[in-house]
Amino acid sequence: MPLLFLLFCFAFSSAASAAEDSNEVSSWLKNGERLEFEISWGFITAGTASMEVKPLAENKTEFYVLAKNNGAFKRVYPVADTIYSRIRTATFYPEVFQKINHEGNYHAASKIRFDRVGQKAWLSDSVFNDFERKKRKRSADTAVSIAGNELDIISAFYFVRQMALEPGKIEKFSAVSGKKKYELKVIVHGREKVETKLGTFDCLKIEPVLAGDGIFKAAGKLFIWFTEDSRRLPVLMKSKIALGSIRAELTSFLQKKE
């Protein structure tokens, strides 16, 4: 099971809602942030993942996500995945999204370039026999029509952290992921206390749901717990799968100050 399944099998964007106008809420975006997660499968620690925000000049921000497994899983099925997104900070609209997968003998790379003026998302996907020498097994290019306000799965994750989430509310969105544009919604189930290795937090429990025949229908439900404060830390994520459940718990974080 790829480690990034839990963190990024969901995708949602800002088709209908605006982020909170709060410098306190968005301080991690302006100044930078690093999150570290421990990923477990049942009682087994399967690996780690990190998420990092790097502000750039000219009103742009970079998001990096790195995941890898360890222990017995690494010997049987080594994983080293990277996801990258560059956005316009003021709008959260991505310019470029890129994903590189090294999972066992599977090596692949995909990229999405967003053309807001031409209202197209240009997608390219490649699977490699030899990634180091760039020997491709197969590749494909696709163009998807967009309305102009779609996000990718990483920028969407950070955008939702800024939203004024309210229990009982459902937000509807659209996003580009893989080779398609999806319609999604985010359900805010309510408030819960969550105990983690970092302590006990007052959280909002949300569930991203994908309409149609996409990944959620096959993979099962995913739940995310964000702290109910200006940090909006994703302290816990859970998803049930056919072979049990996957859990990602926040183990450390650094939010930079001005």
Protein backbone atom coordinates (compact mmCIF):
# COMPACT_ATOMS: atom_id res chain seq x y z
CA MET A 1 0.00 0.00 0.00
CA PRO A 2 1.64 3.28 -1.08
CA LEU A 3 2.19 5.53 1.93
CA LEU A 4 0.75 8.60 0.27
CA PHE A 5 -2.62 6.92 -0.12
CA LEU A 6 -3.81 8.14 3.24
CA LEU A 7 -2.49 11.66 2.99
CA PHE A 8 -3.40 12.48 -0.58
CA CYS A 9 -6.06 10.21 -1.97
CA PHE A 10 -8.44 13.11 -1.40
CA ALA A 11 -8.66 16.17 -3.64
CA PHE A 12 -10.78 19.27 -3.19
CA SER A 13 -10.56 22.93 -4.24
CA SER A 14 -12.03 26.39 -3.81
CA ALA A 15 -14.79 26.52 -6.40
CA ALA A 16 -17.34 28.00 -4.02
CA SER A 17 -15.73 29.18 -0.77
CA ALA A 18 -13.23 31.83 0.24
CA ALA A 19 -10.50 31.45 2.81
CA GLU A 20 -10.66 33.32 6.08
CA ASP A 21 -9.19 36.78 5.81
CA SER A 22 -6.83 36.32 8.74
CA ASN A 23 -3.10 36.88 8.88
CA GLU A 24 -3.00 34.64 11.95
CA VAL A 25 -4.56 31.72 10.09
CA SER A 26 -2.28 32.05 7.08
CA SER A 27 0.98 32.72 8.95
CA TRP A 28 2.26 29.22 8.14
CA LEU A 29 1.74 30.00 4.45
CA LYS A 30 3.50 33.37 4.57
CA ASN A 31 6.43 32.28 6.71
CA GLY A 32 6.87 28.55 6.20
CA GLU A 33 6.00 25.30 7.96
CA ARG A 34 7.13 21.69 8.33
CA LEU A 35 4.92 18.79 9.43
CA GLU A 36 6.15 15.26 10.25
CA PHE A 37 3.86 12.21 10.33
CA GLU A 38 4.14 8.60 11.43
CA ILE A 39 2.11 6.25 9.25
CA SER A 40 0.87 2.97 10.65
CA TRP A 41 -1.04 0.01 9.29
CA GLY A 42 -2.91 -1.55 12.17
CA PHE A 43 -0.35 -1.94 14.96
CA ILE A 44 2.61 -1.81 12.56
CA THR A 45 4.56 1.38 11.90
CA ALA A 46 4.76 1.44 8.12
CA GLY A 47 6.65 4.65 7.41
CA THR A 48 6.90 8.41 7.67
CA ALA A 49 5.84 11.44 5.68
CA SER A 50 6.68 15.13 5.77
CA MET A 51 4.94 18.21 4.39
CA GLU A 52 6.79 21.50 3.95
CA VAL A 53 5.76 25.01 2.93
CA LYS A 54 8.43 27.23 1.34
CA PRO A 55 7.44 30.85 0.56
CA LEU A 56 8.95 32.36 -2.60
CA ALA A 57 9.28 35.86 -3.93
CA GLU A 58 6.69 37.31 -6.32
CA ASN A 59 3.68 36.12 -4.31
CA LYS A 60 4.36 32.42 -4.83
CA THR A 61 4.64 29.46 -2.46
CA GLU A 62 6.00 25.93 -2.89
CA PHE A 63 4.59 22.83 -1.19
CA TYR A 64 6.68 19.68 -0.80
CA VAL A 65 5.49 16.28 0.37
CA LEU A 66 7.90 13.40 0.96
CA ALA A 67 6.98 9.88 2.08
CA LYS A 68 8.96 6.71 2.68
CA ASN A 69 8.52 3.41 4.45
CA ASN A 70 10.81 1.64 6.88
CA GLY A 71 11.52 -1.63 8.66
CA ALA A 72 10.09 -4.82 7.17
CA PHE A 73 8.00 -2.91 4.65
CA LYS A 74 11.07 -1.25 3.16
CA ARG A 75 12.72 -4.61 2.55
CA VAL A 76 9.62 -6.10 0.94
CA TYR A 77 8.21 -3.07 -0.89
CA PRO A 78 10.40 0.07 -0.76
CA VAL A 79 8.55 3.37 -1.15
CA ALA A 80 9.95 6.86 -1.78
CA ASP A 81 7.31 9.26 -3.10
CA THR A 82 7.53 13.01 -3.71
CA ILE A 83 4.75 15.49 -4.48
CA TYR A 84 5.34 19.13 -5.36
CA SER A 85 3.04 22.08 -6.04
CA ARG A 86 3.76 25.74 -6.78
CA ILE A 87 0.91 28.17 -6.19
CA ARG A 88 0.01 31.83 -6.38
CA THR A 89 -0.17 32.70 -2.69
CA ALA A 90 -3.07 35.15 -2.89
CA THR A 91 -5.43 32.78 -4.73
CA PHE A 92 -4.06 29.30 -3.89
CA TYR A 93 -4.31 28.57 -7.61
CA PRO A 94 -1.50 26.19 -8.63
CA GLU A 95 0.76 26.81 -11.59
CA VAL A 96 2.51 23.42 -11.57
CA PHE A 97 1.83 20.11 -9.82
CA GLN A 98 4.28 17.21 -9.98
CA LYS A 99 4.30 13.72 -8.48
CA ILE A 100 7.13 11.17 -8.56
CA ASN A 101 6.50 7.60 -7.37
CA HIS A 102 9.11 4.99 -6.49
CA GLU A 103 7.14 2.04 -5.11
CA GLY A 104 8.75 -1.39 -5.38
CA ASN A 105 9.57 -1.91 -9.05
CA TYR A 106 7.08 0.75 -10.07
CA HIS A 107 8.56 4.12 -11.09
CA ALA A 108 6.37 6.89 -12.47
CA ALA A 109 6.20 10.66 -12.87
CA SER A 110 3.25 12.92 -13.60
CA LYS A 111 2.90 16.65 -14.07
CA ILE A 112 -0.02 19.07 -14.38
CA ARG A 113 0.41 22.58 -15.80
CA PHE A 114 -2.52 24.93 -15.25
CA ASP A 115 -3.40 27.43 -17.98
CA ARG A 116 -5.92 29.79 -16.35
CA VAL A 117 -6.25 32.03 -19.41
CA GLY A 118 -6.79 29.16 -21.84
CA GLN A 119 -8.88 27.27 -19.27
CA LYS A 120 -6.92 24.05 -19.69
CA ALA A 121 -4.99 21.73 -17.42
CA TRP A 122 -2.21 19.97 -19.34
CA LEU A 123 -1.38 16.56 -17.87
CA SER A 124 1.55 14.29 -18.68
CA ASP A 125 2.15 10.84 -17.21
CA SER A 126 5.08 8.47 -17.64
CA VAL A 127 5.91 5.02 -16.31
CA PHE A 128 9.60 4.05 -16.46
CA ASN A 129 11.50 0.84 -16.96
CA ASP A 130 14.63 2.71 -15.86
CA PHE A 131 13.93 6.00 -14.07
CA GLU A 132 17.58 7.06 -13.75
CA ARG A 133 18.15 6.74 -17.49
CA LYS A 134 14.66 8.05 -18.30
CA LYS A 135 13.73 4.92 -20.26
CA ARG A 136 9.96 5.05 -20.51
CA LYS A 137 7.70 2.03 -20.53
CA ARG A 138 4.75 4.16 -21.54
CA SER A 139 3.64 7.79 -21.49
CA ALA A 140 0.51 9.80 -22.20
CA ASP A 141 -0.50 13.45 -22.49
CA THR A 142 -3.98 14.71 -21.70
CA ALA A 143 -5.76 18.08 -21.71
CA VAL A 144 -8.65 18.75 -19.33
CA SER A 145 -10.99 21.73 -19.62
CA ILE A 146 -11.19 23.79 -16.44
CA ALA A 147 -13.26 26.74 -15.26
CA GLY A 148 -10.14 28.47 -13.99
CA ASN A 149 -10.48 28.02 -10.22
CA GLU A 150 -9.52 24.36 -9.76
CA LEU A 151 -6.69 23.35 -7.46
CA ASP A 152 -4.49 20.28 -7.22
CA ILE A 153 -4.52 17.85 -4.30
CA ILE A 154 -1.73 19.57 -2.35
CA SER A 155 -2.84 23.18 -2.69
CA ALA A 156 -6.36 22.01 -1.84
CA PHE A 157 -5.16 20.42 1.40
CA TYR A 158 -3.63 23.71 2.53
CA PHE A 159 -6.57 25.77 1.31
CA VAL A 160 -9.02 23.80 3.43
CA ARG A 161 -6.89 24.47 6.49
CA GLN A 162 -7.64 28.19 6.02
CA MET A 163 -11.37 27.82 5.56
CA ALA A 164 -13.94 28.82 8.18
CA LEU A 165 -14.99 25.22 8.81
CA GLU A 166 -18.28 24.85 10.69
CA PRO A 167 -19.79 21.63 12.14
CA GLY A 168 -22.68 20.34 10.05
CA LYS A 169 -21.61 22.30 6.99
CA ILE A 170 -20.88 20.73 3.59
CA GLU A 171 -18.58 22.48 1.12
CA LYS A 172 -18.74 21.52 -2.55
CA PHE A 173 -15.70 21.72 -4.79
CA SER A 174 -14.03 20.65 -8.02
CA ALA A 175 -10.41 19.61 -8.56
CA VAL A 176 -8.01 18.18 -11.13
CA SER A 177 -6.36 14.91 -10.13
CA GLY A 178 -4.88 12.16 -12.28
CA LYS A 179 -6.36 12.52 -15.76
CA LYS A 180 -9.74 13.94 -14.77
CA LYS A 181 -11.56 16.83 -13.18
CA TYR A 182 -13.58 15.66 -10.18
CA GLU A 183 -16.49 17.07 -8.25
CA LEU A 184 -16.04 16.68 -4.53
CA LYS A 185 -17.42 17.76 -1.21
CA VAL A 186 -16.06 18.20 2.29
CA ILE A 187 -18.29 17.23 5.20
CA VAL A 188 -17.57 18.83 8.58
CA HIS A 189 -18.86 16.20 11.02
CA GLY A 190 -18.28 18.05 14.28
CA ARG A 191 -15.90 18.67 17.16
CA GLU A 192 -13.86 15.95 18.87
CA LYS A 193 -10.97 15.72 21.32
CA VAL A 194 -8.04 13.80 19.85
CA GLU A 195 -5.19 12.28 21.86
CA THR A 196 -1.83 11.98 20.13
CA LYS A 197 1.83 11.71 21.09
CA LEU A 198 1.96 15.51 20.95
CA GLY A 199 -0.90 15.87 23.43
CA THR A 200 -4.69 16.29 23.42
CA PHE A 201 -6.27 18.67 20.92
CA ASP A 202 -9.72 20.15 20.30
CA CYS A 203 -10.36 19.25 16.66
CA LEU A 204 -12.80 19.49 13.78
CA LYS A 205 -13.45 16.15 12.09
CA ILE A 206 -13.87 16.37 8.32
CA GLU A 207 -14.53 13.84 5.59
CA PRO A 208 -13.69 14.46 1.92
CA VAL A 209 -16.07 12.64 -0.43
CA LEU A 210 -15.58 12.14 -4.16
CA ALA A 211 -18.66 11.93 -6.37
CA GLY A 212 -18.93 9.33 -9.13
CA ASP A 213 -16.65 6.39 -9.71
CA GLY A 214 -13.40 7.77 -8.37
CA ILE A 215 -10.92 6.63 -5.77
CA PHE A 216 -13.08 7.15 -2.69
CA LYS A 217 -15.74 4.74 -3.87
CA ALA A 218 -13.14 2.00 -4.08
CA ALA A 219 -10.89 2.95 -1.19
CA GLY A 220 -13.37 3.64 1.60
CA LYS A 221 -13.86 6.62 3.89
CA LEU A 222 -11.14 9.01 4.88
CA PHE A 223 -11.33 11.22 7.98
CA ILE A 224 -9.05 14.12 8.94
CA TRP A 225 -8.87 15.91 12.29
CA PHE A 226 -7.74 19.57 12.15
CA THR A 227 -7.05 21.49 15.35
CA GLU A 228 -9.75 24.07 15.99
CA ASP A 229 -7.38 27.01 16.27
CA SER A 230 -5.45 29.30 13.97
CA ARG A 231 -2.82 26.62 13.29
CA ARG A 232 -5.31 24.14 11.78
CA LEU A 233 -2.83 21.32 12.35
CA PRO A 234 -3.80 17.98 10.75
CA VAL A 235 -3.03 15.98 13.89
CA LEU A 236 -4.65 12.74 12.70
CA MET A 237 -5.87 11.05 9.50
CA LYS A 238 -7.56 7.66 9.24
CA SER A 239 -8.82 5.49 6.41
CA LYS A 240 -10.26 1.98 6.37
CA ILE A 241 -9.19 -0.33 3.56
CA ALA A 242 -9.86 -3.94 2.65
CA LEU A 243 -6.81 -5.13 4.59
CA GLY A 244 -7.42 -3.10 7.75
CA SER A 245 -6.91 0.58 8.42
CA ILE A 246 -4.21 3.18 7.82
CA ARG A 247 -3.44 5.95 10.29
CA ALA A 248 -1.22 9.03 9.96
CA GLU A 249 -0.42 10.86 13.19
CA LEU A 250 1.37 14.19 13.45
CA THR A 251 4.57 13.67 15.46
CA SER A 252 6.24 17.09 15.14
CA PHE A 253 5.69 20.47 13.54
CA LEU A 254 7.46 23.76 13.00
CA GLN A 255 5.58 26.90 12.03
CA LYS A 256 7.95 29.76 11.35
CA LYS A 257 7.32 33.23 12.70
CA GLU A 258 8.04 36.57 11.11
